[in-house]
Amino acid sequence: MKRYCLALDLKDDATIIKEYEEYHQKVWPEILKSIKDSGIKEMEIYRINNRLFMIMETIDDFDLEQKVKMDKTNVKVQEWEQLMWNYQQAIPGSGPGEKWRLMERIFTLNP
């Protein structure tokens, strides 16, 4: 199994953050299906202030680039992403249109 850790910021507004969290209490079924169909076995999102941290555990042959390509051709995923972008903002150092940023592991207790 592979693990990916990603970061993204929300707009720093309590109302926006509350709405974003409400959407994530009732994620659209098509989005959940897309996540599972891509080989993601587990996904969790954590928040502190307006910073989000996502952990994904995937099948061994999961390909993040392939997931991105699949998402670009999925109308419902694109609709969800466009809606979520109303609440999100890129973290410092992101390129144009770049949302979730892959984090680099710098420590592990059990290498």
PDB file of N, CA and C in Angstrom:
ATOM      1  N   MET A   1       0.836  -1.177   0.000  1.00  0.00           N
ATOM      2  CA  MET A   1       0.000   0.000   0.000  1.00  0.00           C
ATOM      3  C   MET A   1       0.885   1.245   0.000  1.00  0.00           C
ATOM      4  N   LYS A   2       0.475   2.276  -0.732  1.00  0.00           N
ATOM      5  CA  LYS A   2       1.202   3.543  -0.776  1.00  0.00           C
ATOM      6  C   LYS A   2       0.452   4.580   0.066  1.00  0.00           C
ATOM      7  N   ARG A   3       1.187   5.569   0.540  1.00  0.00           N
ATOM      8  CA  ARG A   3       0.588   6.672   1.282  1.00  0.00           C
ATOM      9  C   ARG A   3       1.028   7.985   0.647  1.00  0.00           C
ATOM     10  N   TYR A   4       0.075   8.878   0.472  1.00  0.00           N
ATOM     11  CA  TYR A   4       0.333  10.213  -0.049  1.00  0.00           C
ATOM     12  C   TYR A   4      -0.180  11.214   0.973  1.00  0.00           C
ATOM     13  N   CYS A   5       0.577  12.285   1.196  1.00  0.00           N
ATOM     14  CA  CYS A   5       0.170  13.364   2.088  1.00  0.00           C
ATOM     15  C   CYS A   5       0.188  14.657   1.288  1.00  0.00           C
ATOM     16  N   LEU A   6      -0.912  15.391   1.377  1.00  0.00           N
ATOM     17  CA  LEU A   6      -1.065  16.601   0.579  1.00  0.00           C
ATOM     18  C   LEU A   6      -1.570  17.747   1.453  1.00  0.00           C
ATOM     19  N   ALA A   7      -1.291  18.970   1.025  1.00  0.00           N
ATOM     20  CA  ALA A   7      -1.720  20.147   1.777  1.00  0.00           C
ATOM     21  C   ALA A   7      -2.411  21.138   0.846  1.00  0.00           C
ATOM     22  N   LEU A   8      -3.307  21.898   1.440  1.00  0.00           N
ATOM     23  CA  LEU A   8      -4.049  22.947   0.735  1.00  0.00           C
ATOM     24  C   LEU A   8      -4.592  23.895   1.792  1.00  0.00           C
ATOM     25  N   ASP A   9      -4.815  25.135   1.435  1.00  0.00           N
ATOM     26  CA  ASP A   9      -5.412  26.095   2.364  1.00  0.00           C
ATOM     27  C   ASP A   9      -6.847  26.402   1.978  1.00  0.00           C
ATOM     28  N   LEU A  10      -7.616  26.744   3.000  1.00  0.00           N
ATOM     29  CA  LEU A  10      -8.945  27.296   2.780  1.00  0.00           C
ATOM     30  C   LEU A  10      -8.839  28.810   2.894  1.00  0.00           C
ATOM     31  N   LYS A  11      -9.790  29.504   2.317  1.00  0.00           N
ATOM     32  CA  LYS A  11      -9.852  30.944   2.539  1.00  0.00           C
ATOM     33  C   LYS A  11     -10.065  31.149   4.028  1.00  0.00           C
ATOM     34  N   ASP A  12      -9.384  32.119   4.597  1.00  0.00           N
ATOM     35  CA  ASP A  12      -9.370  32.314   6.046  1.00  0.00           C
ATOM     36  C   ASP A  12     -10.599  33.103   6.495  1.00  0.00           C
ATOM     37  N   ASP A  13     -11.737  32.407   6.475  1.00  0.00           N
ATOM     38  CA  ASP A  13     -13.020  33.004   6.844  1.00  0.00           C
ATOM     39  C   ASP A  13     -13.861  31.918   7.523  1.00  0.00           C
ATOM     40  N   ALA A  14     -14.322  32.172   8.731  1.00  0.00           N
ATOM     41  CA  ALA A  14     -15.025  31.159   9.519  1.00  0.00           C
ATOM     42  C   ALA A  14     -16.260  30.613   8.812  1.00  0.00           C
ATOM     43  N   THR A  15     -17.004  31.457   8.134  1.00  0.00           N
ATOM     44  CA  THR A  15     -18.210  31.015   7.429  1.00  0.00           C
ATOM     45  C   THR A  15     -17.850  30.091   6.274  1.00  0.00           C
ATOM     46  N   ILE A  16     -16.837  30.457   5.524  1.00  0.00           N
ATOM     47  CA  ILE A  16     -16.387  29.649   4.391  1.00  0.00           C
ATOM     48  C   ILE A  16     -15.876  28.299   4.876  1.00  0.00           C
ATOM     49  N   ILE A  17     -15.108  28.300   5.951  1.00  0.00           N
ATOM     50  CA  ILE A  17     -14.578  27.052   6.492  1.00  0.00           C
ATOM     51  C   ILE A  17     -15.713  26.148   6.956  1.00  0.00           C
ATOM     52  N   LYS A  18     -16.714  26.721   7.614  1.00  0.00           N
ATOM     53  CA  LYS A  18     -17.865  25.942   8.086  1.00  0.00           C
ATOM     54  C   LYS A  18     -18.600  25.304   6.903  1.00  0.00           C
ATOM     55  N   GLU A  19     -18.838  26.078   5.854  1.00  0.00           N
ATOM     56  CA  GLU A  19     -19.515  25.555   4.662  1.00  0.00           C
ATOM     57  C   GLU A  19     -18.712  24.428   4.023  1.00  0.00           C
ATOM     58  N   TYR A  20     -17.409  24.616   3.929  1.00  0.00           N
ATOM     59  CA  TYR A  20     -16.536  23.598   3.344  1.00  0.00           C
ATOM     60  C   TYR A  20     -16.647  22.294   4.130  1.00  0.00           C
ATOM     61  N   GLU A  21     -16.603  22.394   5.437  1.00  0.00           N
ATOM     62  CA  GLU A  21     -16.718  21.203   6.275  1.00  0.00           C
ATOM     63  C   GLU A  21     -18.087  20.549   6.117  1.00  0.00           C
ATOM     64  N   GLU A  22     -19.142  21.347   5.965  1.00  0.00           N
ATOM     65  CA  GLU A  22     -20.479  20.792   5.757  1.00  0.00           C
ATOM     66  C   GLU A  22     -20.534  19.994   4.456  1.00  0.00           C
ATOM     67  N   TYR A  23     -19.925  20.494   3.403  1.00  0.00           N
ATOM     68  CA  TYR A  23     -19.871  19.738   2.145  1.00  0.00           C
ATOM     69  C   TYR A  23     -19.172  18.396   2.349  1.00  0.00           C
ATOM     70  N   HIS A  24     -18.175  18.371   3.188  1.00  0.00           N
ATOM     71  CA  HIS A  24     -17.420  17.139   3.401  1.00  0.00           C
ATOM     72  C   HIS A  24     -18.100  16.167   4.360  1.00  0.00           C
ATOM     73  N   GLN A  25     -19.208  16.583   4.923  1.00  0.00           N
ATOM     74  CA  GLN A  25     -20.044  15.666   5.698  1.00  0.00           C
ATOM     75  C   GLN A  25     -21.035  14.941   4.792  1.00  0.00           C
ATOM     76  N   LYS A  26     -21.184  15.450   3.557  1.00  0.00           N
ATOM     77  CA  LYS A  26     -22.104  14.839   2.591  1.00  0.00           C
ATOM     78  C   LYS A  26     -21.512  14.923   1.180  1.00  0.00           C
ATOM     79  N   VAL A  27     -20.354  14.313   1.035  1.00  0.00           N
ATOM     80  CA  VAL A  27     -19.657  14.298  -0.264  1.00  0.00           C
ATOM     81  C   VAL A  27     -20.547  13.580  -1.273  1.00  0.00           C
ATOM     82  N   TRP A  28     -20.614  14.128  -2.472  1.00  0.00           N
ATOM     83  CA  TRP A  28     -21.449  13.546  -3.522  1.00  0.00           C
ATOM     84  C   TRP A  28     -21.040  12.099  -3.790  1.00  0.00           C
ATOM     85  N   PRO A  29     -22.023  11.217  -4.006  1.00  0.00           N
ATOM     86  CA  PRO A  29     -21.704   9.802  -4.259  1.00  0.00           C
ATOM     87  C   PRO A  29     -20.785   9.592  -5.461  1.00  0.00           C
ATOM     88  N   GLU A  30     -20.927  10.416  -6.497  1.00  0.00           N
ATOM     89  CA  GLU A  30     -20.077  10.283  -7.686  1.00  0.00           C
ATOM     90  C   GLU A  30     -18.611  10.568  -7.360  1.00  0.00           C
ATOM     91  N   ILE A  31     -18.390  11.463  -6.395  1.00  0.00           N
ATOM     92  CA  ILE A  31     -17.021  11.797  -5.997  1.00  0.00           C
ATOM     93  C   ILE A  31     -16.422  10.633  -5.215  1.00  0.00           C
ATOM     94  N   LEU A  32     -17.202  10.079  -4.300  1.00  0.00           N
ATOM     95  CA  LEU A  32     -16.737   8.929  -3.525  1.00  0.00           C
ATOM     96  C   LEU A  32     -16.420   7.752  -4.447  1.00  0.00           C
ATOM     97  N   LYS A  33     -17.275   7.535  -5.445  1.00  0.00           N
ATOM     98  CA  LYS A  33     -17.049   6.445  -6.403  1.00  0.00           C
ATOM     99  C   LYS A  33     -15.758   6.683  -7.181  1.00  0.00           C
ATOM    100  N   SER A  34     -15.540   7.912  -7.638  1.00  0.00           N
ATOM    101  CA  SER A  34     -14.335   8.248  -8.388  1.00  0.00           C
ATOM    102  C   SER A  34     -13.079   8.003  -7.547  1.00  0.00           C
ATOM    103  N   ILE A  35     -13.139   8.372  -6.287  1.00  0.00           N
ATOM    104  CA  ILE A  35     -12.003   8.167  -5.387  1.00  0.00           C
ATOM    105  C   ILE A  35     -11.698   6.678  -5.260  1.00  0.00           C
ATOM    106  N   LYS A  36     -12.730   5.901  -4.964  1.00  0.00           N
ATOM    107  CA  LYS A  36     -12.544   4.460  -4.766  1.00  0.00           C
ATOM    108  C   LYS A  36     -12.123   3.759  -6.058  1.00  0.00           C
ATOM    109  N   ASP A  37     -12.736   4.146  -7.188  1.00  0.00           N
ATOM    110  CA  ASP A  37     -12.418   3.515  -8.475  1.00  0.00           C
ATOM    111  C   ASP A  37     -10.976   3.745  -8.905  1.00  0.00           C
ATOM    112  N   SER A  38     -10.354   4.805  -8.405  1.00  0.00           N
ATOM    113  CA  SER A  38      -8.980   5.122  -8.801  1.00  0.00           C
ATOM    114  C   SER A  38      -7.940   4.286  -8.043  1.00  0.00           C
ATOM    115  N   GLY A  39      -8.387   3.584  -6.997  1.00  0.00           N
ATOM    116  CA  GLY A  39      -7.452   2.781  -6.217  1.00  0.00           C
ATOM    117  C   GLY A  39      -7.119   3.377  -4.861  1.00  0.00           C
ATOM    118  N   ILE A  40      -7.814   4.428  -4.488  1.00  0.00           N
ATOM    119  CA  ILE A  40      -7.623   5.007  -3.159  1.00  0.00           C
ATOM    120  C   ILE A  40      -8.448   4.185  -2.180  1.00  0.00           C
ATOM    121  N   LYS A  41      -7.782   3.613  -1.186  1.00  0.00           N
ATOM    122  CA  LYS A  41      -8.441   2.738  -0.206  1.00  0.00           C
ATOM    123  C   LYS A  41      -8.914   3.513   1.019  1.00  0.00           C
ATOM    124  N   GLU A  42      -8.186   4.549   1.377  1.00  0.00           N
ATOM    125  CA  GLU A  42      -8.535   5.356   2.550  1.00  0.00           C
ATOM    126  C   GLU A  42      -8.121   6.789   2.287  1.00  0.00           C
ATOM    127  N   MET A  43      -8.958   7.729   2.728  1.00  0.00           N
ATOM    128  CA  MET A  43      -8.649   9.146   2.571  1.00  0.00           C
ATOM    129  C   MET A  43      -9.181   9.864   3.799  1.00  0.00           C
ATOM    130  N   GLU A  44      -8.329  10.690   4.385  1.00  0.00           N
ATOM    131  CA  GLU A  44      -8.727  11.510   5.521  1.00  0.00           C
ATOM    132  C   GLU A  44      -8.229  12.922   5.278  1.00  0.00           C
ATOM    133  N   ILE A  45      -9.031  13.895   5.713  1.00  0.00           N
ATOM    134  CA  ILE A  45      -8.625  15.301   5.637  1.00  0.00           C
ATOM    135  C   ILE A  45      -8.696  15.867   7.048  1.00  0.00           C
ATOM    136  N   TYR A  46      -7.625  16.530   7.451  1.00  0.00           N
ATOM    137  CA  TYR A  46      -7.539  17.189   8.750  1.00  0.00           C
ATOM    138  C   TYR A  46      -7.415  18.690   8.521  1.00  0.00           C
ATOM    139  N   ARG A  47      -7.810  19.473   9.521  1.00  0.00           N
ATOM    140  CA  ARG A  47      -7.715  20.923   9.400  1.00  0.00           C
ATOM    141  C   ARG A  47      -7.186  21.523  10.697  1.00  0.00           C
ATOM    142  N   ILE A  48      -6.311  22.516  10.551  1.00  0.00           N
ATOM    143  CA  ILE A  48      -5.939  23.401  11.645  1.00  0.00           C
ATOM    144  C   ILE A  48      -6.009  24.812  11.082  1.00  0.00           C
ATOM    145  N   ASN A  49      -6.802  25.630  11.718  1.00  0.00           N
ATOM    146  CA  ASN A  49      -7.089  26.971  11.198  1.00  0.00           C
ATOM    147  C   ASN A  49      -7.592  26.827   9.764  1.00  0.00           C
ATOM    148  N   ASN A  50      -6.910  27.431   8.804  1.00  0.00           N
ATOM    149  CA  ASN A  50      -7.368  27.292   7.414  1.00  0.00           C
ATOM    150  C   ASN A  50      -6.482  26.347   6.585  1.00  0.00           C
ATOM    151  N   ARG A  51      -5.554  25.643   7.220  1.00  0.00           N
ATOM    152  CA  ARG A  51      -4.678  24.699   6.525  1.00  0.00           C
ATOM    153  C   ARG A  51      -5.296  23.302   6.554  1.00  0.00           C
ATOM    154  N   LEU A  52      -5.363  22.669   5.388  1.00  0.00           N
ATOM    155  CA  LEU A  52      -5.858  21.304   5.268  1.00  0.00           C
ATOM    156  C   LEU A  52      -4.691  20.356   5.029  1.00  0.00           C
ATOM    157  N   PHE A  53      -4.839  19.150   5.546  1.00  0.00           N
ATOM    158  CA  PHE A  53      -3.846  18.095   5.370  1.00  0.00           C
ATOM    159  C   PHE A  53      -4.607  16.825   5.004  1.00  0.00           C
ATOM    160  N   MET A  54      -4.278  16.233   3.867  1.00  0.00           N
ATOM    161  CA  MET A  54      -4.952  15.023   3.399  1.00  0.00           C
ATOM    162  C   MET A  54      -3.976  13.855   3.402  1.00  0.00           C
ATOM    163  N   ILE A  55      -4.464  12.723   3.892  1.00  0.00           N
ATOM    164  CA  ILE A  55      -3.702  11.477   3.835  1.00  0.00           C
ATOM    165  C   ILE A  55      -4.494  10.513   2.957  1.00  0.00           C
ATOM    166  N   MET A  56      -3.833   9.946   1.956  1.00  0.00           N
ATOM    167  CA  MET A  56      -4.451   8.939   1.096  1.00  0.00           C
ATOM    168  C   MET A  56      -3.638   7.666   1.184  1.00  0.00           C
ATOM    169  N   GLU A  57      -4.306   6.559   1.378  1.00  0.00           N
ATOM    170  CA  GLU A  57      -3.662   5.254   1.286  1.00  0.00           C
ATOM    171  C   GLU A  57      -4.257   4.566   0.066  1.00  0.00           C
ATOM    172  N   THR A  58      -3.374   4.032  -0.773  1.00  0.00           N
ATOM    173  CA  THR A  58      -3.784   3.528  -2.076  1.00  0.00           C
ATOM    174  C   THR A  58      -3.287   2.114  -2.315  1.00  0.00           C
ATOM    175  N   ILE A  59      -3.813   1.521  -3.378  1.00  0.00           N
ATOM    176  CA  ILE A  59      -3.288   0.236  -3.828  1.00  0.00           C
ATOM    177  C   ILE A  59      -1.846   0.451  -4.303  1.00  0.00           C
ATOM    178  N   ASP A  60      -1.091  -0.632  -4.372  1.00  0.00           N
ATOM    179  CA  ASP A  60       0.335  -0.525  -4.721  1.00  0.00           C
ATOM    180  C   ASP A  60       0.592   0.075  -6.097  1.00  0.00           C
ATOM    181  N   ASP A  61      -0.278  -0.209  -7.060  1.00  0.00           N
ATOM    182  CA  ASP A  61      -0.016   0.309  -8.404  1.00  0.00           C
ATOM    183  C   ASP A  61      -0.793   1.595  -8.705  1.00  0.00           C
ATOM    184  N   PHE A  62      -1.218   2.301  -7.665  1.00  0.00           N
ATOM    185  CA  PHE A  62      -1.895   3.588  -7.840  1.00  0.00           C
ATOM    186  C   PHE A  62      -0.954   4.570  -8.515  1.00  0.00           C
ATOM    187  N   ASP A  63      -1.494   5.366  -9.435  1.00  0.00           N
ATOM    188  CA  ASP A  63      -0.721   6.355 -10.171  1.00  0.00           C
ATOM    189  C   ASP A  63      -1.414   7.701 -10.010  1.00  0.00           C
ATOM    190  N   LEU A  64      -0.798   8.612  -9.263  1.00  0.00           N
ATOM    191  CA  LEU A  64      -1.389   9.920  -8.994  1.00  0.00           C
ATOM    192  C   LEU A  64      -1.633  10.706 -10.280  1.00  0.00           C
ATOM    193  N   GLU A  65      -0.706  10.629 -11.221  1.00  0.00           N
ATOM    194  CA  GLU A  65      -0.884  11.335 -12.498  1.00  0.00           C
ATOM    195  C   GLU A  65      -2.086  10.785 -13.266  1.00  0.00           C
ATOM    196  N   GLN A  66      -2.282   9.475 -13.207  1.00  0.00           N
ATOM    197  CA  GLN A  66      -3.432   8.853 -13.869  1.00  0.00           C
ATOM    198  C   GLN A  66      -4.732   9.305 -13.214  1.00  0.00           C
ATOM    199  N   LYS A  67      -4.729   9.439 -11.894  1.00  0.00           N
ATOM    200  CA  LYS A  67      -5.911   9.925 -11.169  1.00  0.00           C
ATOM    201  C   LYS A  67      -6.254  11.338 -11.620  1.00  0.00           C
ATOM    202  N   VAL A  68      -5.244  12.180 -11.759  1.00  0.00           N
ATOM    203  CA  VAL A  68      -5.467  13.554 -12.220  1.00  0.00           C
ATOM    204  C   VAL A  68      -6.082  13.549 -13.615  1.00  0.00           C
ATOM    205  N   LYS A  69      -5.580  12.692 -14.509  1.00  0.00           N
ATOM    206  CA  LYS A  69      -6.130  12.596 -15.867  1.00  0.00           C
ATOM    207  C   LYS A  69      -7.579  12.112 -15.840  1.00  0.00           C
ATOM    208  N   MET A  70      -7.864  11.108 -15.005  1.00  0.00           N
ATOM    209  CA  MET A  70      -9.228  10.600 -14.879  1.00  0.00           C
ATOM    210  C   MET A  70     -10.171  11.704 -14.393  1.00  0.00           C
ATOM    211  N   ASP A  71      -9.718  12.475 -13.418  1.00  0.00           N
ATOM    212  CA  ASP A  71     -10.548  13.543 -12.865  1.00  0.00           C
ATOM    213  C   ASP A  71     -10.865  14.612 -13.894  1.00  0.00           C
ATOM    214  N   LYS A  72      -9.908  14.906 -14.765  1.00  0.00           N
ATOM    215  CA  LYS A  72     -10.119  15.945 -15.780  1.00  0.00           C
ATOM    216  C   LYS A  72     -11.185  15.562 -16.799  1.00  0.00           C
ATOM    217  N   THR A  73     -11.437  14.261 -16.950  1.00  0.00           N
ATOM    218  CA  THR A  73     -12.448  13.810 -17.915  1.00  0.00           C
ATOM    219  C   THR A  73     -13.775  13.462 -17.247  1.00  0.00           C
ATOM    220  N   ASN A  74     -13.846  13.600 -15.928  1.00  0.00           N
ATOM    221  CA  ASN A  74     -15.064  13.270 -15.189  1.00  0.00           C
ATOM    222  C   ASN A  74     -15.821  14.565 -14.901  1.00  0.00           C
ATOM    223  N   VAL A  75     -16.972  14.738 -15.552  1.00  0.00           N
ATOM    224  CA  VAL A  75     -17.747  15.975 -15.448  1.00  0.00           C
ATOM    225  C   VAL A  75     -18.143  16.265 -14.006  1.00  0.00           C
ATOM    226  N   LYS A  76     -18.566  15.254 -13.274  1.00  0.00           N
ATOM    227  CA  LYS A  76     -19.017  15.457 -11.893  1.00  0.00           C
ATOM    228  C   LYS A  76     -17.849  15.839 -10.991  1.00  0.00           C
ATOM    229  N   VAL A  77     -16.686  15.232 -11.201  1.00  0.00           N
ATOM    230  CA  VAL A  77     -15.503  15.598 -10.426  1.00  0.00           C
ATOM    231  C   VAL A  77     -15.123  17.040 -10.722  1.00  0.00           C
ATOM    232  N   GLN A  78     -15.183  17.441 -11.973  1.00  0.00           N
ATOM    233  CA  GLN A  78     -14.860  18.817 -12.328  1.00  0.00           C
ATOM    234  C   GLN A  78     -15.845  19.804 -11.700  1.00  0.00           C
ATOM    235  N   GLU A  79     -17.114  19.420 -11.654  1.00  0.00           N
ATOM    236  CA  GLU A  79     -18.127  20.263 -11.006  1.00  0.00           C
ATOM    237  C   GLU A  79     -17.817  20.414  -9.509  1.00  0.00           C
ATOM    238  N   TRP A  80     -17.466  19.308  -8.858  1.00  0.00           N
ATOM    239  CA  TRP A  80     -17.109  19.331  -7.439  1.00  0.00           C
ATOM    240  C   TRP A  80     -15.876  20.201  -7.209  1.00  0.00           C
ATOM    241  N   GLU A  81     -14.852  20.000  -8.039  1.00  0.00           N
ATOM    242  CA  GLU A  81     -13.608  20.762  -7.883  1.00  0.00           C
ATOM    243  C   GLU A  81     -13.846  22.259  -8.063  1.00  0.00           C
ATOM    244  N   GLN A  82     -14.680  22.606  -9.016  1.00  0.00           N
ATOM    245  CA  GLN A  82     -14.991  24.017  -9.244  1.00  0.00           C
ATOM    246  C   GLN A  82     -15.728  24.602  -8.036  1.00  0.00           C
ATOM    247  N   LEU A  83     -16.659  23.835  -7.477  1.00  0.00           N
ATOM    248  CA  LEU A  83     -17.381  24.272  -6.284  1.00  0.00           C
ATOM    249  C   LEU A  83     -16.420  24.433  -5.104  1.00  0.00           C
ATOM    250  N   MET A  84     -15.548  23.457  -4.897  1.00  0.00           N
ATOM    251  CA  MET A  84     -14.619  23.498  -3.763  1.00  0.00           C
ATOM    252  C   MET A  84     -13.631  24.658  -3.880  1.00  0.00           C
ATOM    253  N   TRP A  85     -13.292  25.047  -5.105  1.00  0.00           N
ATOM    254  CA  TRP A  85     -12.330  26.137  -5.301  1.00  0.00           C
ATOM    255  C   TRP A  85     -12.892  27.456  -4.761  1.00  0.00           C
ATOM    256  N   ASN A  86     -14.211  27.541  -4.571  1.00  0.00           N
ATOM    257  CA  ASN A  86     -14.808  28.731  -3.944  1.00  0.00           C
ATOM    258  C   ASN A  86     -14.362  28.865  -2.486  1.00  0.00           C
ATOM    259  N   TYR A  87     -13.936  27.781  -1.883  1.00  0.00           N
ATOM    260  CA  TYR A  87     -13.548  27.748  -0.480  1.00  0.00           C
ATOM    261  C   TYR A  87     -12.041  27.645  -0.300  1.00  0.00           C
ATOM    262  N   GLN A  88     -11.349  27.181  -1.313  1.00  0.00           N
ATOM    263  CA  GLN A  88      -9.930  26.883  -1.217  1.00  0.00           C
ATOM    264  C   GLN A  88      -9.078  28.006  -1.780  1.00  0.00           C
ATOM    265  N   GLN A  89      -7.820  28.005  -1.355  1.00  0.00           N
ATOM    266  CA  GLN A  89      -6.818  28.884  -1.955  1.00  0.00           C
ATOM    267  C   GLN A  89      -5.489  28.138  -1.963  1.00  0.00           C
ATOM    268  N   ALA A  90      -4.691  28.441  -2.928  1.00  0.00           N
ATOM    269  CA  ALA A  90      -3.404  27.754  -3.063  1.00  0.00           C
ATOM    270  C   ALA A  90      -2.484  28.108  -1.901  1.00  0.00           C
ATOM    271  N   ILE A  91      -1.690  27.132  -1.485  1.00  0.00           N
ATOM    272  CA  ILE A  91      -0.695  27.432  -0.456  1.00  0.00           C
ATOM    273  C   ILE A  91       0.465  28.187  -1.099  1.00  0.00           C
ATOM    274  N   PRO A  92       1.219  28.946  -0.313  1.00  0.00           N
ATOM    275  CA  PRO A  92       2.343  29.696  -0.883  1.00  0.00           C
ATOM    276  C   PRO A  92       3.275  28.774  -1.669  1.00  0.00           C
ATOM    277  N   GLY A  93       3.738  29.276  -2.800  1.00  0.00           N
ATOM    278  CA  GLY A  93       4.659  28.528  -3.644  1.00  0.00           C
ATOM    279  C   GLY A  93       3.978  27.676  -4.696  1.00  0.00           C
ATOM    280  N   SER A  94       2.639  27.692  -4.742  1.00  0.00           N
ATOM    281  CA  SER A  94       1.901  26.905  -5.732  1.00  0.00           C
ATOM    282  C   SER A  94       1.949  27.568  -7.095  1.00  0.00           C
ATOM    283  N   GLY A  95       1.887  26.740  -8.117  1.00  0.00           N
ATOM    284  CA  GLY A  95       1.826  27.255  -9.482  1.00  0.00           C
ATOM    285  C   GLY A  95       0.389  27.633  -9.829  1.00  0.00           C
ATOM    286  N   PRO A  96       0.176  28.255 -10.976  1.00  0.00           N
ATOM    287  CA  PRO A  96      -1.170  28.644 -11.406  1.00  0.00           C
ATOM    288  C   PRO A  96      -2.108  27.429 -11.472  1.00  0.00           C
ATOM    289  N   GLY A  97      -3.244  27.535 -10.817  1.00  0.00           N
ATOM    290  CA  GLY A  97      -4.233  26.473 -10.839  1.00  0.00           C
ATOM    291  C   GLY A  97      -3.893  25.273  -9.982  1.00  0.00           C
ATOM    292  N   GLU A  98      -2.765  25.287  -9.305  1.00  0.00           N
ATOM    293  CA  GLU A  98      -2.338  24.150  -8.485  1.00  0.00           C
ATOM    294  C   GLU A  98      -3.082  24.186  -7.155  1.00  0.00           C
ATOM    295  N   LYS A  99      -3.704  23.065  -6.827  1.00  0.00           N
ATOM    296  CA  LYS A  99      -4.485  23.000  -5.594  1.00  0.00           C
ATOM    297  C   LYS A  99      -3.752  22.168  -4.554  1.00  0.00           C
ATOM    298  N   TRP A 100      -4.201  20.943  -4.345  1.00  0.00           N
ATOM    299  CA  TRP A 100      -3.555  20.076  -3.361  1.00  0.00           C
ATOM    300  C   TRP A 100      -2.100  19.866  -3.748  1.00  0.00           C
ATOM    301  N   ARG A 101      -1.185  20.101  -2.801  1.00  0.00           N
ATOM    302  CA  ARG A 101       0.252  19.959  -3.051  1.00  0.00           C
ATOM    303  C   ARG A 101       0.772  18.741  -2.317  1.00  0.00           C
ATOM    304  N   LEU A 102       1.476  17.910  -3.041  1.00  0.00           N
ATOM    305  CA  LEU A 102       2.086  16.715  -2.477  1.00  0.00           C
ATOM    306  C   LEU A 102       3.182  17.132  -1.499  1.00  0.00           C
ATOM    307  N   MET A 103       3.135  16.551  -0.314  1.00  0.00           N
ATOM    308  CA  MET A 103       4.124  16.878   0.717  1.00  0.00           C
ATOM    309  C   MET A 103       5.248  15.843   0.688  1.00  0.00           C
ATOM    310  N   GLU A 104       6.412  16.254   1.117  1.00  0.00           N
ATOM    311  CA  GLU A 104       7.570  15.367   1.171  1.00  0.00           C
ATOM    312  C   GLU A 104       7.759  14.879   2.603  1.00  0.00           C
ATOM    313  N   ARG A 105       7.890  13.567   2.754  1.00  0.00           N
ATOM    314  CA  ARG A 105       8.146  13.011   4.078  1.00  0.00           C
ATOM    315  C   ARG A 105       9.574  13.339   4.481  1.00  0.00           C
ATOM    316  N   ILE A 106       9.743  13.875   5.670  1.00  0.00           N
ATOM    317  CA  ILE A 106      11.081  14.232   6.152  1.00  0.00           C
ATOM    318  C   ILE A 106      11.475  13.415   7.375  1.00  0.00           C
ATOM    319  N   PHE A 107      10.557  12.610   7.914  1.00  0.00           N
ATOM    320  CA  PHE A 107      10.874  11.784   9.068  1.00  0.00           C
ATOM    321  C   PHE A 107       9.938  10.592   9.103  1.00  0.00           C
ATOM    322  N   THR A 108      10.461   9.456   9.538  1.00  0.00           N
ATOM    323  CA  THR A 108       9.643   8.293   9.834  1.00  0.00           C
ATOM    324  C   THR A 108      10.265   7.572  11.017  1.00  0.00           C
ATOM    325  N   LEU A 109       9.436   7.140  11.936  1.00  0.00           N
ATOM    326  CA  LEU A 109       9.906   6.425  13.114  1.00  0.00           C
ATOM    327  C   LEU A 109      10.424   5.034  12.748  1.00  0.00           C
ATOM    328  N   ASN A 110       9.774   4.426  11.758  1.00  0.00           N
ATOM    329  CA  ASN A 110      10.128   3.060  11.346  1.00  0.00           C
ATOM    330  C   ASN A 110      10.452   3.023   9.858  1.00  0.00           C
ATOM    331  N   PRO A 111      11.707   3.333   9.495  1.00  0.00           N
ATOM    332  CA  PRO A 111      12.069   3.377   8.063  1.00  0.00           C
ATOM    333  C   PRO A 111      11.956   2.029   7.368  1.00  0.00           C
TER     334      PRO A 111
END
